[in-house]
Amino acid sequence: MACTTCHDPHGEDSKSRLERLGTISGNPTCTSCHQKFAAPEALKLHTHHTPEGEGSVCLNCHMPKKNMGLAYEFTRYHRVGSPTDSARVLGDRPLDCALCHADRSVDQIVTTMEKWWGKRYDRRQLERLYGGDLRLNAVRLTLAFGKPHEQALAADIAVRHDIPDTTDSIVALLNNPYPLVRYFARHSLERRFGKPLPLDMNLPGPALLQAAKSLLANEHEQASP
């Protein structure tokens, strides 16, 4: 597979074509080489998901949307690999499967991967990565213990999947030392509240955090009966 398999080197890529690659209709791009997974039943055995569903889209597992992109949206990870790769499971938060299965704990996801694909993962390494208690939600633990870019991704997942009681953790990212993470955090909050938030992003982190807390507290008071 080369870059030109998906991208036009001489012009702007068609947005509709790129979006199609991220659906079941785009799977032939991969199965033209990996022909043993082309038939629906073979695909189901490989993915353990329905062959026509999102869980059987090749790119969703092998090129998940985990990279910070333009317009504060996440784009596909372009180092093609597997969500079951030890390097990803033991060194990259959150687990790739948590992008869709955002309600699951670390242990639930890892145990399922071990059962389905015959893998084994060192629980002690996972405990060091996620803070000790693998029975807790993978996205929440990433918000708490992840590296800055991982926390930004966890904030995005938490909002898209409506994980409750995560707003305070996302607001806390407005004090992150990296301006880009602060912008992604604001974008996630705006998606959660369904409107732009009048925050001065040029403020230092502590001041920005306090401004956000005051703004949201005022909105909560106004919304109360």
C-alpha atoms as a PDB file:
ATOM      1  CA  MET A   1       0.000   0.000   0.000  1.00  0.00           C
ATOM      2  CA  ALA A   2       1.294   3.434  -0.963  1.00  0.00           C
ATOM      3  CA  CYS A   3       0.070   6.955  -0.195  1.00  0.00           C
ATOM      4  CA  THR A   4      -1.370   7.087  -3.704  1.00  0.00           C
ATOM      5  CA  THR A   5      -3.626   4.127  -2.893  1.00  0.00           C
ATOM      6  CA  CYS A   6      -5.882   6.616  -1.134  1.00  0.00           C
ATOM      7  CA  HIS A   7      -4.584  10.055  -2.094  1.00  0.00           C
ATOM      8  CA  ASP A   8      -4.205  11.966  -5.359  1.00  0.00           C
ATOM      9  CA  PRO A   9      -0.645  13.333  -5.506  1.00  0.00           C
ATOM     10  CA  HIS A  10      -1.546  15.856  -8.240  1.00  0.00           C
ATOM     11  CA  GLY A  11      -4.643  17.490  -6.849  1.00  0.00           C
ATOM     12  CA  GLU A  12      -6.986  17.939  -3.932  1.00  0.00           C
ATOM     13  CA  ASP A  13      -8.532  14.747  -2.618  1.00  0.00           C
ATOM     14  CA  SER A  14     -12.259  14.374  -3.037  1.00  0.00           C
ATOM     15  CA  LYS A  15     -13.831  14.637   0.420  1.00  0.00           C
ATOM     16  CA  SER A  16     -16.606  12.229  -0.558  1.00  0.00           C
ATOM     17  CA  ARG A  17     -14.066   9.651  -1.756  1.00  0.00           C
ATOM     18  CA  LEU A  18     -12.024   9.873   1.446  1.00  0.00           C
ATOM     19  CA  GLU A  19     -15.172   9.537   3.535  1.00  0.00           C
ATOM     20  CA  ARG A  20     -16.194   6.503   1.485  1.00  0.00           C
ATOM     21  CA  LEU A  21     -12.852   4.832   2.264  1.00  0.00           C
ATOM     22  CA  GLY A  22     -13.873   4.938   5.919  1.00  0.00           C
ATOM     23  CA  THR A  23     -16.993   2.860   5.301  1.00  0.00           C
ATOM     24  CA  ILE A  24     -17.696  -0.748   4.385  1.00  0.00           C
ATOM     25  CA  SER A  25     -17.680   0.422   0.760  1.00  0.00           C
ATOM     26  CA  GLY A  26     -13.994   1.304   1.190  1.00  0.00           C
ATOM     27  CA  ASN A  27     -12.955  -2.148   2.392  1.00  0.00           C
ATOM     28  CA  PRO A  28     -12.039  -3.401  -1.118  1.00  0.00           C
ATOM     29  CA  THR A  29      -9.065  -1.017  -0.959  1.00  0.00           C
ATOM     30  CA  CYS A  30      -7.675  -3.355   1.710  1.00  0.00           C
ATOM     31  CA  THR A  31      -9.170  -6.687   0.658  1.00  0.00           C
ATOM     32  CA  SER A  32      -7.763  -6.356  -2.864  1.00  0.00           C
ATOM     33  CA  CYS A  33      -4.597  -7.650  -1.167  1.00  0.00           C
ATOM     34  CA  HIS A  34      -6.089  -9.248   1.958  1.00  0.00           C
ATOM     35  CA  GLN A  35      -8.501 -11.327  -0.086  1.00  0.00           C
ATOM     36  CA  LYS A  36      -9.152 -13.868   2.664  1.00  0.00           C
ATOM     37  CA  PHE A  37     -11.226 -11.206   4.474  1.00  0.00           C
ATOM     38  CA  ALA A  38     -13.286 -10.134   1.463  1.00  0.00           C
ATOM     39  CA  ALA A  39     -16.287 -12.432   1.966  1.00  0.00           C
ATOM     40  CA  PRO A  40     -18.789 -11.272   4.638  1.00  0.00           C
ATOM     41  CA  GLU A  41     -18.482 -14.421   6.753  1.00  0.00           C
ATOM     42  CA  ALA A  42     -14.690 -14.293   6.690  1.00  0.00           C
ATOM     43  CA  LEU A  43     -14.817 -10.621   7.651  1.00  0.00           C
ATOM     44  CA  LYS A  44     -17.125 -11.415  10.571  1.00  0.00           C
ATOM     45  CA  LEU A  45     -14.770 -14.117  11.844  1.00  0.00           C
ATOM     46  CA  HIS A  46     -11.878 -11.667  11.626  1.00  0.00           C
ATOM     47  CA  THR A  47     -13.539  -8.667  13.285  1.00  0.00           C
ATOM     48  CA  HIS A  48     -16.091 -10.367  15.583  1.00  0.00           C
ATOM     49  CA  HIS A  49     -18.528  -7.673  14.453  1.00  0.00           C
ATOM     50  CA  THR A  50     -21.370  -7.738  11.956  1.00  0.00           C
ATOM     51  CA  PRO A  51     -19.836  -7.631   8.452  1.00  0.00           C
ATOM     52  CA  GLU A  52     -21.945  -4.638   7.398  1.00  0.00           C
ATOM     53  CA  GLY A  53     -21.366  -2.576  10.563  1.00  0.00           C
ATOM     54  CA  GLU A  54     -18.872   0.073  11.663  1.00  0.00           C
ATOM     55  CA  GLY A  55     -16.883  -2.546  13.569  1.00  0.00           C
ATOM     56  CA  SER A  56     -15.979  -4.278  10.299  1.00  0.00           C
ATOM     57  CA  VAL A  57     -14.707  -1.177   8.500  1.00  0.00           C
ATOM     58  CA  CYS A  58     -11.001  -1.841   7.912  1.00  0.00           C
ATOM     59  CA  LEU A  59      -9.892   1.736   8.547  1.00  0.00           C
ATOM     60  CA  ASN A  60     -11.758   2.041  11.838  1.00  0.00           C
ATOM     61  CA  CYS A  61      -9.490  -0.556  13.422  1.00  0.00           C
ATOM     62  CA  HIS A  62      -6.286  -0.293  11.416  1.00  0.00           C
ATOM     63  CA  MET A  63      -6.243   3.507  10.911  1.00  0.00           C
ATOM     64  CA  PRO A  64      -8.346   4.862  13.803  1.00  0.00           C
ATOM     65  CA  LYS A  65      -8.972   8.584  14.195  1.00  0.00           C
ATOM     66  CA  LYS A  66      -6.418   9.429  16.888  1.00  0.00           C
ATOM     67  CA  ASN A  67      -4.326  12.228  15.362  1.00  0.00           C
ATOM     68  CA  MET A  68      -4.948  15.895  16.098  1.00  0.00           C
ATOM     69  CA  GLY A  69      -6.025  17.494  12.827  1.00  0.00           C
ATOM     70  CA  LEU A  70      -7.197  20.805  11.450  1.00  0.00           C
ATOM     71  CA  ALA A  71     -10.398  22.465  12.699  1.00  0.00           C
ATOM     72  CA  TYR A  72      -9.865  20.689  16.042  1.00  0.00           C
ATOM     73  CA  GLU A  73     -11.051  17.358  14.681  1.00  0.00           C
ATOM     74  CA  PHE A  74      -9.223  14.034  14.903  1.00  0.00           C
ATOM     75  CA  THR A  75      -7.884  12.413  11.756  1.00  0.00           C
ATOM     76  CA  ARG A  76      -6.789   8.890  10.958  1.00  0.00           C
ATOM     77  CA  TYR A  77      -3.624   7.383  12.347  1.00  0.00           C
ATOM     78  CA  HIS A  78      -1.549   6.759   9.201  1.00  0.00           C
ATOM     79  CA  ARG A  79       0.855   4.176  10.583  1.00  0.00           C
ATOM     80  CA  VAL A  80      -1.216   1.152   9.623  1.00  0.00           C
ATOM     81  CA  GLY A  81      -1.334  -1.425  12.383  1.00  0.00           C
ATOM     82  CA  SER A  82      -3.688  -3.426  14.557  1.00  0.00           C
ATOM     83  CA  PRO A  83      -5.549  -2.422  17.731  1.00  0.00           C
ATOM     84  CA  THR A  84      -4.205  -5.658  19.218  1.00  0.00           C
ATOM     85  CA  ASP A  85      -0.532  -4.720  18.690  1.00  0.00           C
ATOM     86  CA  SER A  86       1.243  -4.827  22.045  1.00  0.00           C
ATOM     87  CA  ALA A  87       2.888  -1.457  21.389  1.00  0.00           C
ATOM     88  CA  ARG A  88      -0.532   0.136  21.023  1.00  0.00           C
ATOM     89  CA  VAL A  89      -2.218  -1.676  23.893  1.00  0.00           C
ATOM     90  CA  LEU A  90       0.614  -1.150  26.384  1.00  0.00           C
ATOM     91  CA  GLY A  91       1.839   2.268  25.272  1.00  0.00           C
ATOM     92  CA  ASP A  92      -0.961   4.276  23.688  1.00  0.00           C
ATOM     93  CA  ARG A  93      -4.031   5.573  25.527  1.00  0.00           C
ATOM     94  CA  PRO A  94      -6.900   5.014  25.204  1.00  0.00           C
ATOM     95  CA  LEU A  95      -7.185   1.519  23.752  1.00  0.00           C
ATOM     96  CA  ASP A  96      -8.238   1.765  20.096  1.00  0.00           C
ATOM     97  CA  CYS A  97     -11.417  -0.191  20.804  1.00  0.00           C
ATOM     98  CA  ALA A  98     -12.465   2.509  23.299  1.00  0.00           C
ATOM     99  CA  LEU A  99     -13.009   4.936  20.416  1.00  0.00           C
ATOM    100  CA  CYS A 100     -16.251   3.059  19.727  1.00  0.00           C
ATOM    101  CA  HIS A 101     -16.754   1.109  22.970  1.00  0.00           C
ATOM    102  CA  ALA A 102     -16.375   4.180  25.138  1.00  0.00           C
ATOM    103  CA  ASP A 103     -18.467   2.746  27.969  1.00  0.00           C
ATOM    104  CA  ARG A 104     -16.110  -0.184  28.629  1.00  0.00           C
ATOM    105  CA  SER A 105     -13.409  -0.573  31.248  1.00  0.00           C
ATOM    106  CA  VAL A 106      -9.778  -1.251  30.402  1.00  0.00           C
ATOM    107  CA  ASP A 107     -10.135  -4.799  31.697  1.00  0.00           C
ATOM    108  CA  GLN A 108     -13.305  -5.465  29.682  1.00  0.00           C
ATOM    109  CA  ILE A 109     -11.667  -4.364  26.454  1.00  0.00           C
ATOM    110  CA  VAL A 110      -8.350  -6.143  27.031  1.00  0.00           C
ATOM    111  CA  THR A 111      -9.996  -9.371  28.202  1.00  0.00           C
ATOM    112  CA  THR A 112     -12.180  -9.393  25.082  1.00  0.00           C
ATOM    113  CA  MET A 113      -9.174  -8.882  22.819  1.00  0.00           C
ATOM    114  CA  GLU A 114      -7.365 -11.738  24.525  1.00  0.00           C
ATOM    115  CA  LYS A 115     -10.373 -14.012  24.065  1.00  0.00           C
ATOM    116  CA  TRP A 116     -11.077 -13.101  20.445  1.00  0.00           C
ATOM    117  CA  TRP A 117      -7.562 -12.901  19.054  1.00  0.00           C
ATOM    118  CA  GLY A 118      -5.540 -15.151  21.388  1.00  0.00           C
ATOM    119  CA  LYS A 119      -3.386 -12.330  22.746  1.00  0.00           C
ATOM    120  CA  ARG A 120      -1.939 -11.834  26.216  1.00  0.00           C
ATOM    121  CA  TYR A 121      -1.191  -8.447  27.789  1.00  0.00           C
ATOM    122  CA  ASP A 122       0.803  -7.663  30.916  1.00  0.00           C
ATOM    123  CA  ARG A 123      -1.689  -6.354  33.490  1.00  0.00           C
ATOM    124  CA  ARG A 124       1.084  -4.707  35.528  1.00  0.00           C
ATOM    125  CA  GLN A 125       2.075  -2.590  32.563  1.00  0.00           C
ATOM    126  CA  LEU A 126      -1.548  -1.675  31.969  1.00  0.00           C
ATOM    127  CA  GLU A 127      -1.949  -0.727  35.636  1.00  0.00           C
ATOM    128  CA  ARG A 128       1.063   1.587  35.402  1.00  0.00           C
ATOM    129  CA  LEU A 129      -0.417   3.127  32.261  1.00  0.00           C
ATOM    130  CA  TYR A 130      -3.954   3.612  33.547  1.00  0.00           C
ATOM    131  CA  GLY A 131      -3.414   4.336  37.224  1.00  0.00           C
ATOM    132  CA  GLY A 132      -3.939   1.001  38.915  1.00  0.00           C
ATOM    133  CA  ASP A 133      -7.612   0.029  38.675  1.00  0.00           C
ATOM    134  CA  LEU A 134      -8.319  -1.588  35.320  1.00  0.00           C
ATOM    135  CA  ARG A 135     -11.984  -2.061  36.241  1.00  0.00           C
ATOM    136  CA  LEU A 136     -12.560   1.631  35.549  1.00  0.00           C
ATOM    137  CA  ASN A 137     -13.545   3.230  32.257  1.00  0.00           C
ATOM    138  CA  ALA A 138     -10.709   3.490  29.719  1.00  0.00           C
ATOM    139  CA  VAL A 139     -11.717   6.968  28.510  1.00  0.00           C
ATOM    140  CA  ARG A 140     -12.056   8.393  32.027  1.00  0.00           C
ATOM    141  CA  LEU A 141      -8.667   6.956  33.002  1.00  0.00           C
ATOM    142  CA  THR A 142      -7.087   8.511  29.918  1.00  0.00           C
ATOM    143  CA  LEU A 143      -8.563  11.884  30.876  1.00  0.00           C
ATOM    144  CA  ALA A 144      -6.981  11.452  34.291  1.00  0.00           C
ATOM    145  CA  PHE A 145      -3.589   9.909  33.488  1.00  0.00           C
ATOM    146  CA  GLY A 146      -2.966  10.321  29.748  1.00  0.00           C
ATOM    147  CA  LYS A 147      -0.363  12.405  27.983  1.00  0.00           C
ATOM    148  CA  PRO A 148      -1.702  15.773  26.765  1.00  0.00           C
ATOM    149  CA  HIS A 149      -2.633  14.600  23.254  1.00  0.00           C
ATOM    150  CA  GLU A 150      -4.249  11.476  24.714  1.00  0.00           C
ATOM    151  CA  GLN A 151      -6.297  13.589  27.123  1.00  0.00           C
ATOM    152  CA  ALA A 152      -7.498  15.750  24.236  1.00  0.00           C
ATOM    153  CA  LEU A 153      -8.635  12.627  22.401  1.00  0.00           C
ATOM    154  CA  ALA A 154     -10.339  11.280  25.527  1.00  0.00           C
ATOM    155  CA  ALA A 155     -12.220  14.567  25.874  1.00  0.00           C
ATOM    156  CA  ASP A 156     -13.443  14.248  22.303  1.00  0.00           C
ATOM    157  CA  ILE A 157     -14.567  10.641  22.855  1.00  0.00           C
ATOM    158  CA  ALA A 158     -16.276  11.528  26.141  1.00  0.00           C
ATOM    159  CA  VAL A 159     -18.380  14.170  24.418  1.00  0.00           C
ATOM    160  CA  ARG A 160     -19.161  12.187  21.274  1.00  0.00           C
ATOM    161  CA  HIS A 161     -20.311   9.216  23.363  1.00  0.00           C
ATOM    162  CA  ASP A 162     -21.932  11.361  26.048  1.00  0.00           C
ATOM    163  CA  ILE A 163     -19.980   9.874  28.953  1.00  0.00           C
ATOM    164  CA  PRO A 164     -21.513  11.505  32.043  1.00  0.00           C
ATOM    165  CA  ASP A 165     -19.625  13.473  34.704  1.00  0.00           C
ATOM    166  CA  THR A 166     -16.646  14.226  32.488  1.00  0.00           C
ATOM    167  CA  THR A 167     -17.171  17.964  31.988  1.00  0.00           C
ATOM    168  CA  ASP A 168     -14.949  18.958  34.923  1.00  0.00           C
ATOM    169  CA  SER A 169     -12.092  16.822  33.585  1.00  0.00           C
ATOM    170  CA  ILE A 170     -12.419  18.444  30.168  1.00  0.00           C
ATOM    171  CA  VAL A 171     -12.557  21.939  31.665  1.00  0.00           C
ATOM    172  CA  ALA A 172      -9.332  21.133  33.558  1.00  0.00           C
ATOM    173  CA  LEU A 173      -7.564  20.709  30.199  1.00  0.00           C
ATOM    174  CA  LEU A 174      -7.952  24.458  29.635  1.00  0.00           C
ATOM    175  CA  ASN A 175      -5.022  24.787  32.044  1.00  0.00           C
ATOM    176  CA  ASN A 176      -2.844  22.412  30.020  1.00  0.00           C
ATOM    177  CA  PRO A 177       0.593  23.876  29.167  1.00  0.00           C
ATOM    178  CA  TYR A 178       0.059  23.128  25.462  1.00  0.00           C
ATOM    179  CA  PRO A 179      -2.120  25.734  23.688  1.00  0.00           C
ATOM    180  CA  LEU A 180      -3.289  23.168  21.133  1.00  0.00           C
ATOM    181  CA  VAL A 181      -4.700  20.941  23.869  1.00  0.00           C
ATOM    182  CA  ARG A 182      -6.512  23.954  25.340  1.00  0.00           C
ATOM    183  CA  TYR A 183      -8.112  24.668  21.961  1.00  0.00           C
ATOM    184  CA  PHE A 184      -9.191  21.054  21.543  1.00  0.00           C
ATOM    185  CA  ALA A 185     -10.662  21.108  25.053  1.00  0.00           C
ATOM    186  CA  ARG A 186     -12.690  24.215  24.253  1.00  0.00           C
ATOM    187  CA  HIS A 187     -13.915  22.611  21.040  1.00  0.00           C
ATOM    188  CA  SER A 188     -15.073  19.547  22.971  1.00  0.00           C
ATOM    189  CA  LEU A 189     -16.870  21.742  25.501  1.00  0.00           C
ATOM    190  CA  GLU A 190     -18.570  23.690  22.728  1.00  0.00           C
ATOM    191  CA  ARG A 191     -19.769  20.436  21.218  1.00  0.00           C
ATOM    192  CA  ARG A 192     -21.058  19.299  24.617  1.00  0.00           C
ATOM    193  CA  PHE A 193     -22.972  22.528  25.244  1.00  0.00           C
ATOM    194  CA  GLY A 194     -24.018  22.994  21.632  1.00  0.00           C
ATOM    195  CA  LYS A 195     -22.779  26.565  21.259  1.00  0.00           C
ATOM    196  CA  PRO A 196     -19.610  28.695  21.093  1.00  0.00           C
ATOM    197  CA  LEU A 197     -18.025  29.593  24.430  1.00  0.00           C
ATOM    198  CA  PRO A 198     -16.798  33.215  24.699  1.00  0.00           C
ATOM    199  CA  LEU A 199     -13.392  32.407  26.132  1.00  0.00           C
ATOM    200  CA  ASP A 200     -10.245  34.439  25.506  1.00  0.00           C
ATOM    201  CA  MET A 201      -7.842  31.727  24.431  1.00  0.00           C
ATOM    202  CA  ASN A 202      -4.907  34.144  24.784  1.00  0.00           C
ATOM    203  CA  LEU A 203      -5.241  34.051  28.560  1.00  0.00           C
ATOM    204  CA  PRO A 204      -2.662  32.058  30.535  1.00  0.00           C
ATOM    205  CA  GLY A 205      -3.856  28.585  31.452  1.00  0.00           C
ATOM    206  CA  PRO A 206      -4.844  29.294  35.086  1.00  0.00           C
ATOM    207  CA  ALA A 207      -6.777  32.423  34.087  1.00  0.00           C
ATOM    208  CA  LEU A 208      -8.464  30.617  31.211  1.00  0.00           C
ATOM    209  CA  LEU A 209      -9.474  27.796  33.536  1.00  0.00           C
ATOM    210  CA  GLN A 210     -10.986  30.223  36.020  1.00  0.00           C
ATOM    211  CA  ALA A 211     -12.821  32.096  33.264  1.00  0.00           C
ATOM    212  CA  ALA A 212     -14.328  28.839  32.006  1.00  0.00           C
ATOM    213  CA  LYS A 213     -15.409  27.787  35.482  1.00  0.00           C
ATOM    214  CA  SER A 214     -17.080  31.163  36.064  1.00  0.00           C
ATOM    215  CA  LEU A 215     -18.794  31.067  32.682  1.00  0.00           C
ATOM    216  CA  LEU A 216     -20.178  27.577  33.189  1.00  0.00           C
ATOM    217  CA  ALA A 217     -21.230  28.341  36.756  1.00  0.00           C
ATOM    218  CA  ASN A 218     -23.179  31.378  35.550  1.00  0.00           C
ATOM    219  CA  GLU A 219     -24.838  29.351  32.817  1.00  0.00           C
ATOM    220  CA  HIS A 220     -25.785  26.677  35.346  1.00  0.00           C
ATOM    221  CA  GLU A 221     -27.367  29.311  37.618  1.00  0.00           C
ATOM    222  CA  GLN A 222     -29.334  30.780  34.720  1.00  0.00           C
ATOM    223  CA  ALA A 223     -30.569  27.335  33.700  1.00  0.00           C
ATOM    224  CA  SER A 224     -31.708  26.487  37.237  1.00  0.00           C
ATOM    225  CA  PRO A 225     -35.451  27.025  37.929  1.00  0.00           C
END
